Structure formats: structure tokens, C-alpha cells
Protein backbone atom coordinates (compact mmCIF):
# COMPACT_ATOMS: atom_id res chain seq x y z
CA MET A 1 41.81 -76.41 -60.79
CA ALA A 2 40.00 -73.21 -61.14
CA ALA A 3 37.18 -72.58 -58.79
CA SER A 4 33.80 -72.14 -60.31
CA PRO A 5 32.24 -68.75 -59.99
CA ARG A 6 29.88 -70.16 -57.39
CA GLY A 7 32.52 -72.18 -55.57
CA THR A 8 34.26 -71.34 -52.35
CA GLN A 9 36.76 -68.53 -52.72
CA ALA A 10 38.69 -66.09 -50.61
CA PRO A 11 36.48 -63.44 -49.13
CA ALA A 12 36.61 -60.32 -51.19
CA VAL A 13 36.93 -56.93 -49.62
CA GLU A 14 33.46 -55.50 -49.93
CA ALA A 15 32.62 -51.83 -50.05
CA PRO A 16 31.58 -50.64 -46.59
CA VAL A 17 27.91 -50.23 -46.12
CA PRO A 18 27.14 -46.56 -45.51
CA GLN A 19 26.35 -46.05 -41.87
CA PRO A 20 23.95 -43.34 -40.75
CA GLU A 21 25.99 -40.48 -39.44
CA ALA A 22 25.53 -39.45 -35.89
CA HIS A 23 23.39 -36.38 -35.73
CA ILE A 24 25.45 -33.44 -34.63
CA PRO A 25 23.11 -30.73 -33.55
CA ASP A 26 23.60 -27.43 -35.21
CA PRO A 27 23.47 -24.42 -32.95
CA ASP A 28 21.67 -22.49 -35.66
CA SER A 29 19.00 -25.15 -35.93
CA ASP A 30 18.67 -25.19 -32.17
CA THR A 31 18.22 -21.45 -32.19
CA ARG A 32 15.54 -21.77 -34.85
CA ALA A 33 13.84 -24.52 -32.86
CA GLY A 34 13.94 -22.34 -29.76
CA ARG A 35 12.08 -19.43 -31.34
CA LEU A 36 8.85 -18.52 -29.65
CA SER A 37 5.73 -17.55 -31.52
CA PHE A 38 4.08 -14.20 -31.02
CA CYS A 39 1.04 -15.88 -29.47
CA THR A 40 3.20 -17.75 -26.94
CA LYS A 41 4.98 -14.58 -25.89
CA VAL A 42 1.73 -12.67 -25.50
CA CYS A 43 0.06 -15.44 -23.49
CA TYR A 44 3.15 -15.75 -21.34
CA GLY A 45 3.04 -12.02 -20.68
CA ILE A 46 -0.67 -12.14 -19.85
CA GLY A 47 0.06 -14.64 -17.09
CA GLY A 48 1.88 -11.96 -15.11
CA VAL A 49 -0.88 -9.37 -15.41
CA PRO A 50 -3.05 -10.22 -12.35
CA ASN A 51 -0.24 -10.04 -9.81
CA GLN A 52 0.82 -6.70 -11.23
CA VAL A 53 -2.75 -5.38 -11.26
CA ALA A 54 -3.10 -6.29 -7.59
CA SER A 55 0.39 -5.08 -6.69
CA SER A 56 -0.23 -1.74 -8.39
CA ALA A 57 -3.44 -1.15 -6.48
CA THR A 58 -1.88 -2.10 -3.15
CA ALA A 59 1.32 -0.12 -3.81
CA PHE A 60 -0.49 3.14 -4.53
CA TYR A 61 -3.67 2.89 -2.46
CA LEU A 62 -3.38 0.32 0.36
CA GLN A 63 -1.55 2.65 2.71
CA LEU A 64 -4.09 5.42 2.10
CA PHE A 65 -6.94 2.95 2.61
CA LEU A 66 -5.56 1.68 5.92
CA LEU A 67 -4.85 5.16 7.27
CA ASP A 68 -7.84 7.19 6.07
CA VAL A 69 -10.63 4.64 5.45
CA ALA A 70 -9.94 1.81 7.90
CA GLN A 71 -8.43 4.50 10.18
CA ILE A 72 -5.76 2.27 11.66
CA PRO A 73 -2.97 4.01 13.58
CA ALA A 74 0.25 4.49 11.61
CA ALA A 75 2.14 2.13 13.93
CA GLN A 76 -0.32 -0.68 13.15
CA VAL A 77 -0.16 0.12 9.44
CA SER A 78 3.61 -0.26 9.68
CA LEU A 79 3.12 -3.71 11.19
CA VAL A 80 0.59 -4.65 8.49
CA LEU A 81 2.92 -3.66 5.65
CA PHE A 82 6.04 -5.11 7.26
CA GLY A 83 4.33 -8.36 8.24
CA GLY A 84 2.85 -8.86 4.79
CA LYS A 85 6.09 -8.16 2.97
CA VAL A 86 8.10 -10.41 5.29
CA THR A 87 5.55 -13.20 4.85
CA GLY A 88 5.82 -12.86 1.10
CA ALA A 89 9.60 -12.89 1.35
CA ALA A 90 9.63 -15.96 3.61
CA ALA A 91 7.26 -17.74 1.23
CA ASP A 92 9.78 -17.48 -1.62
CA PRO A 93 12.29 -20.08 -0.40
CA VAL A 94 9.39 -22.23 0.79
CA ALA A 95 7.85 -22.05 -2.67
CA GLY A 96 11.19 -22.85 -4.27
CA PHE A 97 11.67 -25.82 -1.95
CA LEU A 98 8.21 -27.27 -2.60
CA ILE A 99 8.41 -26.71 -6.34
CA ASN A 100 11.88 -28.25 -6.25
CA ARG A 101 10.40 -31.46 -4.84
CA SER A 102 7.23 -31.56 -6.95
CA ARG A 103 6.74 -34.09 -9.73
CA ARG A 104 6.02 -33.35 -13.34
CA THR A 105 2.39 -33.66 -14.37
CA GLY A 106 0.66 -33.69 -17.71
CA SER A 107 0.58 -29.89 -17.74
CA GLY A 108 4.18 -29.58 -16.57
CA ARG A 109 5.90 -29.00 -13.28
CA LEU A 110 5.36 -25.27 -12.79
CA MET A 111 1.96 -24.65 -14.35
CA PRO A 112 -0.07 -26.58 -11.70
CA TRP A 113 1.28 -24.28 -9.01
CA VAL A 114 0.10 -21.22 -10.91
CA LEU A 115 -3.37 -22.63 -11.50
CA GLY A 116 -3.73 -24.01 -7.97
CA CYS A 117 -3.09 -20.65 -6.30
CA THR A 118 -5.49 -18.71 -8.52
CA PRO A 119 -8.85 -19.05 -6.65
CA PHE A 120 -7.35 -18.61 -3.18
CA ILE A 121 -5.35 -15.52 -4.02
CA ALA A 122 -8.42 -13.90 -5.58
CA LEU A 123 -10.38 -14.41 -2.34
CA ALA A 124 -7.53 -13.17 -0.15
CA TYR A 125 -7.22 -10.02 -2.25
CA PHE A 126 -10.93 -9.25 -2.00
CA PHE A 127 -11.01 -9.51 1.79
CA LEU A 128 -7.89 -7.35 2.04
CA TRP A 129 -10.03 -4.38 0.97
CA PHE A 130 -13.13 -5.35 2.95
CA LEU A 131 -14.01 -3.10 5.91
CA PRO A 132 -15.22 -5.25 8.86
CA SER A 133 -17.85 -3.92 11.26
CA PHE A 134 -15.61 -4.24 14.34
CA ASN A 135 -12.95 -1.62 15.13
CA SER A 136 -10.69 -3.09 17.78
CA LEU A 137 -9.26 -5.96 15.73
CA ARG A 138 -9.05 -4.32 12.31
CA GLY A 139 -5.27 -4.30 12.50
CA LEU A 140 -5.25 -8.07 12.98
CA TRP A 141 -7.79 -8.53 10.16
CA TYR A 142 -5.69 -6.67 7.60
CA THR A 143 -2.44 -8.20 8.81
CA THR A 144 -3.90 -11.68 8.34
CA PHE A 145 -5.23 -11.14 4.85
CA TYR A 146 -2.25 -9.11 3.67
CA CYS A 147 0.10 -11.87 4.83
CA LEU A 148 -2.10 -14.48 3.16
CA PHE A 149 -2.25 -12.46 -0.06
CA GLN A 150 1.52 -11.95 -0.15
CA ALA A 151 2.22 -15.64 0.49
CA LEU A 152 -0.19 -16.81 -2.21
CA ALA A 153 1.10 -14.19 -4.64
CA THR A 154 4.57 -15.61 -4.09
CA PHE A 155 3.44 -19.18 -4.81
CA PHE A 156 1.90 -17.78 -7.98
CA GLN A 157 4.85 -15.65 -9.08
CA VAL A 158 7.82 -17.96 -8.40
CA PRO A 159 6.79 -20.76 -10.78
CA TYR A 160 5.56 -18.20 -13.31
CA THR A 161 8.87 -16.34 -13.48
CA ALA A 162 10.88 -19.58 -13.40
CA LEU A 163 8.89 -20.65 -16.45
CA THR A 164 11.12 -18.30 -18.46
CA MET A 165 13.93 -20.85 -18.42
CA LEU A 166 11.63 -23.57 -19.77
CA LEU A 167 10.23 -21.62 -22.70
CA THR A 168 13.33 -21.75 -24.91
CA PRO A 169 17.09 -22.40 -24.68
CA SER A 170 17.90 -19.22 -26.61
CA PRO A 171 19.04 -16.30 -24.40
CA LYS A 172 17.85 -13.84 -27.04
CA GLU A 173 14.38 -15.37 -27.11
CA ARG A 174 14.29 -15.44 -23.32
CA ASP A 175 15.11 -11.74 -23.27
CA SER A 176 12.37 -11.16 -25.84
CA ALA A 177 9.87 -13.15 -23.78
CA THR A 178 10.94 -11.20 -20.71
CA ALA A 179 10.31 -7.95 -22.59
CA TYR A 180 6.83 -9.17 -23.54
CA ARG A 181 6.20 -10.15 -19.94
CA MET A 182 7.41 -6.81 -18.63
CA THR A 183 5.32 -4.92 -21.18
CA MET A 184 2.18 -6.86 -20.28
CA GLU A 185 2.93 -6.53 -16.58
CA MET A 186 3.39 -2.79 -16.95
CA ALA A 187 0.07 -2.69 -18.78
CA GLY A 188 -1.41 -4.63 -15.85
CA THR A 189 0.14 -2.15 -13.46
CA LEU A 190 -1.47 0.64 -15.44
CA MET A 191 -4.82 -1.12 -15.47
CA GLY A 192 -4.68 -1.82 -11.73
CA ALA A 193 -3.95 1.77 -10.79
CA ALA A 194 -6.46 3.15 -13.31
CA VAL A 195 -9.37 0.84 -12.52
CA HIS A 196 -8.88 0.87 -8.78
CA GLY A 197 -8.19 4.60 -8.67
CA LEU A 198 -11.18 5.56 -10.78
CA ILE A 199 -13.55 3.43 -8.73
CA VAL A 200 -12.40 4.66 -5.31
CA SER A 201 -11.81 8.30 -6.28
CA GLY A 202 -15.20 9.24 -4.83
CA ALA A 203 -14.15 7.96 -1.42
CA HIS A 204 -11.45 10.65 -1.12
CA SER A 205 -13.20 13.70 -2.55
CA LEU A 206 -12.36 17.13 -1.15
CA HIS A 207 -15.87 17.83 0.11
CA ARG A 208 -15.31 15.09 2.66
CA CYS A 209 -13.10 17.55 4.59
CA ASN A 210 -14.79 20.77 3.52
CA ASP A 211 -18.09 19.72 5.06
CA VAL A 212 -16.62 19.35 8.54
CA GLU A 213 -15.07 21.86 10.84
CA LEU A 214 -13.25 19.48 13.10
CA GLN A 215 -9.60 18.74 12.49
CA GLY A 216 -9.83 15.24 13.88
CA PRO A 217 -10.68 12.00 12.06
CA VAL A 218 -13.63 12.05 9.69
CA THR A 219 -16.30 9.36 9.81
CA VAL A 220 -16.04 6.92 6.91
CA SER A 221 -19.10 6.90 4.66
CA PRO A 222 -20.75 3.64 3.55
CA ASP A 223 -20.04 4.65 -0.04
CA ALA A 224 -16.31 4.46 0.61
CA THR A 225 -16.50 0.86 1.82
CA ARG A 226 -18.75 -0.09 -1.10
CA LEU A 227 -16.42 1.51 -3.66
CA TYR A 228 -13.38 -0.27 -2.27
CA SER A 229 -15.23 -3.61 -2.34
CA ILE A 230 -16.20 -3.07 -5.99
CA ALA A 231 -12.61 -2.20 -6.89
CA ALA A 232 -11.32 -5.28 -5.08
CA ALA A 233 -13.76 -7.54 -6.95
CA ALA A 234 -12.77 -6.01 -10.30
CA VAL A 235 -9.09 -6.73 -9.64
CA ALA A 236 -9.67 -10.19 -8.18
CA VAL A 237 -11.44 -11.44 -11.31
CA THR A 238 -8.28 -10.93 -13.38
CA TYR A 239 -6.64 -13.93 -11.70
CA PRO A 240 -8.83 -16.72 -13.16
CA VAL A 241 -9.08 -15.01 -16.56
CA CYS A 242 -5.34 -14.44 -17.08
CA SER A 243 -4.32 -17.79 -15.58
CA GLY A 244 -6.62 -19.55 -18.02
CA LEU A 245 -5.05 -17.75 -20.99
CA LEU A 246 -1.57 -18.60 -19.70
CA CYS A 247 -2.44 -22.29 -19.47
CA LEU A 248 -3.96 -22.33 -22.96
CA GLY A 249 -1.18 -20.44 -24.75
CA VAL A 250 2.03 -21.57 -23.03
CA LYS A 251 3.41 -25.06 -22.70
CA GLU A 252 6.47 -26.11 -20.75
CA ARG A 253 9.17 -27.65 -22.92
CA PRO A 254 8.81 -31.45 -22.78
CA GLU A 255 11.75 -33.26 -21.24
CA PRO A 256 12.18 -36.86 -22.43
CA SER A 257 14.42 -37.92 -19.58
CA ASP A 258 13.22 -39.67 -16.47
CA PRO A 259 13.38 -37.34 -13.48
CA ALA A 260 14.81 -40.11 -11.36
CA SER A 261 17.78 -40.45 -13.69
CA SER A 262 19.00 -36.91 -13.15
CA GLN A 263 20.47 -35.93 -9.84
CA GLY A 264 19.92 -32.30 -8.97
CA VAL A 265 21.24 -30.59 -5.89
CA SER A 266 19.03 -30.12 -2.86
CA PHE A 267 17.36 -26.78 -2.31
CA LEU A 268 19.41 -25.76 0.73
CA ALA A 269 22.67 -26.80 -0.90
CA GLY A 270 21.67 -24.96 -4.06
CA LEU A 271 20.76 -21.86 -2.06
CA GLY A 272 24.17 -21.89 -0.44
CA LEU A 273 25.81 -22.10 -3.85
CA THR A 274 23.76 -19.29 -5.36
CA VAL A 275 24.50 -16.74 -2.64
CA ARG A 276 28.23 -17.39 -3.09
CA HIS A 277 28.13 -16.78 -6.83
CA PRO A 278 29.66 -13.27 -7.32
CA PRO A 279 27.51 -12.09 -10.27
CA TYR A 280 24.34 -13.17 -8.48
CA LEU A 281 25.42 -11.57 -5.22
CA ASN A 282 26.18 -8.33 -7.06
CA LEU A 283 22.78 -8.38 -8.79
CA VAL A 284 20.92 -9.00 -5.54
CA MET A 285 22.79 -6.39 -3.51
CA SER A 286 22.26 -3.67 -6.09
CA PHE A 287 18.56 -4.27 -6.61
CA LEU A 288 17.94 -4.57 -2.88
CA PHE A 289 18.33 -0.79 -2.80
CA ILE A 290 16.83 -0.01 -6.21
CA SER A 291 13.64 -2.05 -5.74
CA ALA A 292 13.18 -0.66 -2.23
CA ALA A 293 13.50 2.88 -3.65
CA VAL A 294 10.79 2.16 -6.24
CA GLN A 295 8.45 0.73 -3.60
CA VAL A 296 8.92 3.73 -1.31
CA GLU A 297 8.30 6.12 -4.20
CA GLN A 298 5.08 4.33 -5.14
CA SER A 299 3.77 3.95 -1.60
CA TYR A 300 4.16 7.58 -0.58
CA LEU A 301 3.21 9.38 -3.80
CA VAL A 302 -0.52 9.41 -3.00
CA LEU A 303 0.06 10.39 0.62
CA PHE A 304 2.45 13.14 -0.46
CA CYS A 305 -0.04 14.58 -2.93
CA THR A 306 -2.85 14.38 -0.37
CA HIS A 307 -1.20 15.76 2.76
CA ALA A 308 2.09 17.46 1.78
CA SER A 309 1.10 19.43 -1.32
CA ARG A 310 -1.92 20.85 -3.10
CA LEU A 311 -1.96 18.11 -5.70
CA HIS A 312 -4.97 16.19 -4.41
CA ASP A 313 -6.91 16.72 -7.62
CA HIS A 314 -3.98 15.43 -9.68
CA VAL A 315 -3.37 12.14 -7.85
CA GLN A 316 -5.08 9.90 -10.38
CA SER A 317 -3.56 11.72 -13.35
CA LEU A 318 -0.05 11.58 -11.86
CA VAL A 319 -0.32 7.86 -11.16
CA LEU A 320 -1.52 7.19 -14.70
CA THR A 321 1.27 9.39 -16.14
CA ILE A 322 3.89 7.35 -14.30
CA LEU A 323 2.46 4.05 -15.47
CA ILE A 324 1.79 5.10 -19.08
CA SER A 325 5.36 6.39 -19.31
CA ALA A 326 6.64 3.08 -17.93
CA VAL A 327 4.56 0.99 -20.34
CA LEU A 328 5.51 3.00 -23.42
CA SER A 329 9.21 3.14 -22.55
CA THR A 330 9.61 -0.59 -21.87
CA PRO A 331 10.10 -1.54 -25.58
CA LEU A 332 12.55 1.36 -25.90
CA TRP A 333 14.57 0.11 -22.95
CA GLU A 334 14.53 -3.40 -24.39
CA TRP A 335 16.11 -2.01 -27.56
CA VAL A 336 18.68 -0.06 -25.54
CA LEU A 337 19.41 -3.18 -23.53
CA GLN A 338 20.06 -5.25 -26.67
CA ARG A 339 22.00 -2.49 -28.42
CA PHE A 340 24.21 -1.04 -25.68
CA GLY A 341 24.30 -3.75 -23.02
CA LYS A 342 22.59 -4.29 -19.70
CA LYS A 343 24.98 -2.38 -17.46
CA THR A 344 24.81 0.64 -19.74
CA SER A 345 21.01 0.53 -19.59
CA ALA A 346 21.19 0.77 -15.80
CA ILE A 347 22.16 4.43 -16.13
CA GLY A 348 18.54 5.13 -17.02
CA ILE A 349 17.52 4.35 -13.44
CA CYS A 350 19.34 7.38 -12.04
CA VAL A 351 17.40 9.78 -14.31
CA MET A 352 14.66 9.98 -11.66
CA VAL A 353 17.06 11.18 -8.94
CA PRO A 354 17.15 14.95 -9.62
CA PHE A 355 13.46 15.06 -10.46
CA ALA A 356 12.44 13.33 -7.22
CA ILE A 357 14.33 15.99 -5.26
CA LEU A 358 12.73 18.70 -7.41
CA LEU A 359 9.22 17.43 -6.62
CA ALA A 360 9.88 17.52 -2.88
CA ALA A 361 11.26 21.08 -3.14
CA VAL A 362 8.75 22.50 -5.65
CA PRO A 363 5.47 20.54 -5.35
CA THR A 364 3.59 22.25 -8.17
CA ALA A 365 1.46 20.61 -10.84
CA PRO A 366 3.76 21.23 -13.86
CA VAL A 367 6.78 19.94 -11.96
CA ALA A 368 4.79 16.95 -10.71
CA TYR A 369 3.82 15.85 -14.23
CA ILE A 370 7.41 16.16 -15.49
CA VAL A 371 8.61 14.13 -12.52
CA ALA A 372 5.90 11.53 -13.17
CA LEU A 373 6.94 11.20 -16.83
CA VAL A 374 10.63 10.74 -16.04
CA SER A 375 9.99 8.49 -13.05
CA GLY A 376 7.92 6.15 -15.20
CA MET A 377 10.83 5.70 -17.59
CA SER A 378 13.24 4.98 -14.73
CA ILE A 379 10.84 2.54 -13.08
CA ALA A 380 10.49 0.66 -16.39
CA VAL A 381 14.22 -0.01 -16.73
CA SER A 382 14.53 -0.80 -13.01
CA LEU A 383 11.92 -3.55 -13.44
CA LEU A 384 13.14 -4.86 -16.79
CA LEU A 385 16.86 -5.01 -16.05
CA PRO A 386 17.06 -7.57 -13.19
CA TRP A 387 14.77 -10.05 -14.93
CA SER A 388 16.88 -9.76 -18.09
CA MET A 389 20.14 -10.25 -16.17
CA LEU A 390 18.96 -13.16 -14.03
CA PRO A 391 18.87 -15.78 -16.85
CA ASP A 392 22.45 -14.79 -17.76
CA VAL A 393 23.46 -15.28 -14.14
CA VAL A 394 21.86 -18.74 -14.14
CA ASP A 395 23.71 -19.73 -17.34
CA ASP A 396 26.98 -18.37 -15.98
CA PHE A 397 26.52 -20.38 -12.79
CA GLN A 398 25.74 -23.61 -14.65
CA LEU A 399 28.78 -23.26 -16.86
CA GLN A 400 31.10 -22.72 -13.91
CA HIS A 401 29.74 -25.24 -11.45
CA GLN A 402 28.26 -28.04 -13.62
CA HIS A 403 25.71 -28.87 -10.95
CA GLY A 404 23.12 -29.95 -13.46
CA PRO A 405 19.41 -29.21 -13.25
CA GLY A 406 17.24 -27.66 -10.64
CA MET A 407 18.91 -24.31 -10.07
CA GLU A 408 16.54 -22.01 -11.94
CA THR A 409 13.79 -22.05 -9.32
CA ILE A 410 16.33 -21.52 -6.54
CA PHE A 411 17.78 -18.47 -8.27
CA TYR A 412 14.39 -16.91 -8.98
CA SER A 413 12.84 -17.63 -5.57
CA SER A 414 15.87 -16.43 -3.61
CA TYR A 415 16.10 -13.23 -5.67
CA VAL A 416 12.45 -12.38 -4.99
CA PHE A 417 12.99 -13.26 -1.32
CA PHE A 418 15.83 -10.76 -0.89
CA THR A 419 14.11 -7.95 -2.79
CA LYS A 420 10.86 -8.42 -0.85
CA LEU A 421 12.76 -8.42 2.42
CA SER A 422 14.40 -5.11 1.55
CA GLY A 423 11.04 -3.64 0.53
CA ALA A 424 9.47 -4.81 3.79
CA SER A 425 12.20 -3.16 5.85
CA ALA A 426 12.01 0.10 3.87
CA LEU A 427 8.21 0.36 4.03
CA GLY A 428 8.01 -0.70 7.67
CA ILE A 429 10.60 1.80 8.87
CA SER A 430 9.28 4.63 6.71
CA THR A 431 5.67 4.12 7.84
CA LEU A 432 6.82 3.98 11.44
CA SER A 433 8.47 7.37 10.89
CA LEU A 434 5.01 8.80 10.19
CA GLU A 435 3.91 7.63 13.62
CA PHE A 436 6.85 9.38 15.23
CA ALA A 437 6.06 12.52 13.22
CA GLY A 438 2.51 12.55 14.63
CA TYR A 439 0.41 11.29 11.70
CA GLU A 440 -3.28 11.23 12.66
CA ALA A 441 -5.30 8.56 10.86
CA GLY A 442 -8.30 9.95 8.97
CA ALA A 443 -7.49 13.60 9.68
CA CYS A 444 -7.98 16.20 6.97
CA GLU A 445 -4.88 18.18 7.93
CA GLN A 446 -1.59 16.83 9.23
CA ALA A 447 1.07 18.47 11.36
CA GLU A 448 4.04 20.24 9.80
CA GLN A 449 6.37 17.46 10.96
CA VAL A 450 4.31 14.97 8.93
CA VAL A 451 4.59 17.16 5.82
CA VAL A 452 8.39 17.36 6.18
CA THR A 453 8.59 13.60 6.71
CA LEU A 454 6.59 12.93 3.55
CA LYS A 455 8.89 15.24 1.56
CA VAL A 456 11.94 13.33 2.82
CA LEU A 457 10.32 9.99 1.99
CA ILE A 458 9.41 11.06 -1.55
CA GLY A 459 12.74 12.76 -2.35
CA ALA A 460 15.83 12.05 -0.27
CA VAL A 461 15.18 8.42 0.65
CA PRO A 462 14.64 7.04 -2.90
CA THR A 463 17.55 9.14 -4.18
CA CYS A 464 20.04 7.67 -1.72
CA MET A 465 18.83 4.12 -2.32
CA VAL A 466 19.06 4.42 -6.11
CA LEU A 467 22.58 5.86 -6.02
CA ILE A 468 23.83 3.15 -3.66
CA GLY A 469 22.29 0.40 -5.77
CA LEU A 470 23.77 1.74 -9.02
CA CYS A 471 27.24 2.01 -7.50
CA ILE A 472 27.11 -1.64 -6.43
CA LEU A 473 25.84 -2.74 -9.85
CA MET A 474 28.48 -0.84 -11.81
CA VAL A 475 31.56 -1.90 -9.83
CA GLY A 476 30.54 -5.53 -9.28
CA PRO A 477 31.25 -8.53 -11.54
CA ALA A 478 28.92 -9.18 -14.46
CA PRO A 479 27.88 -12.62 -15.73
CA LYS A 480 29.37 -13.83 -18.98
CA VAL A 481 26.71 -14.03 -21.66
CA PRO A 482 27.04 -17.49 -23.27
CA CYS A 483 27.93 -17.61 -26.95
CA GLN A 484 25.84 -19.55 -29.42
CA ASP A 485 27.73 -22.82 -28.97
CA THR A 486 27.70 -22.51 -25.20
CA SER A 487 24.00 -21.73 -25.22
CA HIS A 488 23.50 -24.85 -27.32
CA GLN A 489 25.39 -26.94 -24.75
CA LEU A 490 23.18 -25.59 -21.99
CA SER A 491 20.15 -26.44 -24.09
CA LEU A 492 21.36 -30.02 -24.55
CA ARG A 493 21.95 -30.35 -20.84
CA ARG A 494 18.43 -29.17 -20.10
CA ARG A 495 16.97 -31.53 -22.71
CA THR A 496 18.77 -34.59 -21.42
CA SER A 497 18.88 -34.05 -17.68
CA TYR A 498 16.55 -31.29 -16.58
CA SER A 499 14.68 -31.95 -13.40
CA LEU A 500 13.57 -29.77 -10.52
CA ALA A 501 13.45 -32.79 -8.24
């Protein structure tokens, strides 16, 4: 008996219902999603301006202020500079540890640290340039506020630089954002030296020494203290302004995962892993010498022009020439870096070597301006290169070790720690050499031994440091730049398991 059409019958093989295909992310789409807008890059760059404005003013003028205005002995100035730099260096791992254990807030994990440090660092910077009425404890005064300023600047800079890894997963976009940051920071360096230098130029006029016959220290005029206070206030106000623009224009990439679900390594364990990573160790060792050379060159340029040559009237113009050259050459070095590679770009650092020796041997105005122009170009690449290589080192480490999230802050904080420590040692020892040479604080004329010492510090010392650093960088291992697929895998890992805790 035939079954009716509606009767029970053997189940027919039905066509499979189309299932939604699993979404396979496309590296190209991820790259497009990771692109940063022009406004974001500019606001991110602006966030680094205040620290560079303050660092520029202190690098070029703090030593001169302590010696000739505050009239502190060179040995105490050495302690001030060394203590401040060491405090800033010691604050880096502390900042990395505390940020490592902080919880994400509505504005992110790193941004609250930047905003929280802003008012305190502005106050510390202002009092660093304030001349107290007492004389006996001035060394302690400036040591305290310089240490406080360096520590707060570190708690500002570490989360700000680590923010690079949270802007985008694309290495190319990170390099572009780094170039924007470096360009804005170089502009901030230029602004700091220009504004501070123009305001305080009246405190170091030549008639200050021409009006006296004594060769000993000259009494500091009230105008000098007032000018330095005005300059300090002008620089300090950049902190709240630029931090506000950074907060408005840059947002940390949202991470949907629960921080408790991702297990990151502890800070101390992560620090032990980073210092054993060969590309990172090579990067740190090379720029220990290169960054120290740049700091010595900056710190002693003004003193060299004032006491070791007849370039006193050209100090402000030389400083601005160096910084303008650095600012304008930063985009050029970014193109060279993308076109020829990062190790090849490092050759540009050694361009300053023969010219630094030439300035010490022939301290004339034409030579000084040529040296300033070339030195600015070398300083630009020396500042741009490590911050462009560090994200590649982080990616190379994550691919090899698979330790998950939380390593970016450790890499950035430990790198700044080592470079600051090298700068502290170089500045402390070099300033102490002025004491041994017989430097007299506040004097209009210095002994011949002091002049020779300044020539060595401006020529031979940076030259040796740069050459040693470049040799280490060239012969050491380089990180492998991740390909597009690998970069996409790192992006997925950050999206699904990123946590600094």
C-alpha cells in the first residue's frame, strides 16, 4: 500500500543548512583597522612635548645656572646632577612595577599615570630654578627638587612611551607614530631651549664681568633670579596643556578580555627575561654610550662657549641651530630608516664625530655653526633610532618566548633605566673633573686647566662614546621584523589576552 504524501516515510536526505563561516581575520583588514589618523598621531606627539621642553632647558642651562647663578661648587653640582639622574633611573623599574600591577580604568591603564603626575612635576620643575635666600643648604635644595623632578618625569614618560604598543598592532604605523612623537618632541626641545634661553639671556650678559675688576665670583643680581623664575613658569605650564591634549586626542585600544583571565609574568621575572634577550641587550649596550655622548655634548656646549672660547654671544644661536637642524632632519631620517633599514641609518650618528673634534681644535664662529648643523642631524637619528627599534625587539621577544602580555612596560622602563644610569655616570664624572681642574663657581675667567678640560669634554669624550656604541650596535644581533601574518598574530594575542597585571 502506497504511503500518502503526508504519511510516515523514510527520512529524506535534506540539503544542509548553510552555516555561517568562521571569521578568519585578514591581515590586510587588520592593517587597515590599525591605521592611525593624523589627529591621533599629532596628539600623541604633543603628549611628549613638556618633558622634552623641560629636559632641553635643564640639559643646556641647568649646569650653568647651578655654577654661575646659584654659585654652588662644582663638586656639589656633580652630586646634584648624578643624584637626580640616578633617582630618575631608579624610578624607571619602580614605575614599570607599579604600572604592571595597576588596574584598567575608564580612561585606560597608562593614561591615568600621565595625568596624575602632571601637576606635581610642574611644581617640582618650577622650584628647581628658584633661588632660595639661604646659601649654606642650596646644594641640598637643588638635589631634592632635581631628584623629585627626575622621578616624576619618569612616572610621566614610562607610561607615555609604552602607549606606543597600545595605539595600533601595525609595526609600520607604530614607526609612523614614533616619528610623529620624535618630531613633536624635537619641536618641544627647540621650544624649551629657545624660550628658556631668550628669557634668561639677560642674566649672563657680558657687562656683568666687564663692570667688575675682580676675578673672583660675581654677585648675582635680582634680575637673574627673576628671569630664571619666569622661564621656569613658562616651561612648567606646558605640562597641563599638553597632557590635556593627549588625553583628548588619544585613546588606548580597548581590550575585551578580563584582566584576571590572562596570566602575565611578574615584573622581576620579566625583567630577568628581557636582559637575557640578545637583541635587547645589544640595543641597550650600544645606546648606553650613544645617549651618554649626546647628554655630555648638550651639557657642556654652553659652558664651552662661555669659558673655553669667544663664542659667548653665539650661545643662543648655536643651541637653536642644533635643535632646528634636529627637528628638520627627523622626517628625513624616518624616510631613510624605512628605505634603507635601521642599522644602516645608525651610520648617521657618527657624522658628528669629526666635527666635534674640529670645534674643540678650532673654536671659531663659522666652524661652530657648521658643527651645530651637523650635530643636530646626528642627534636626531640617535634619538629616533632606539625608539623605532624597541617595538621590533618587543615583537621578536614575544614570538620567541610566548610569555603573553605585560612585557611592553618592562622593556620600555628598563631601557630608560639603563640609559639614564649611563647618563648619570657620564655627567657626574665629567662635572667632577671640572672640580679637579679648578673650576671657580661664578668667576668671569677660568684657569687654563678648566679650558682644556672643557675642550676634552666637548670633543674627545663624545667621540669615543659614539664610536664604541656604534661598534656594539653594528656587530650585535638584530631583532627580526615580523611579517604581515606574524604581526597579525601578535595583534590577535594582544586583543584576546593583553594585560599589564
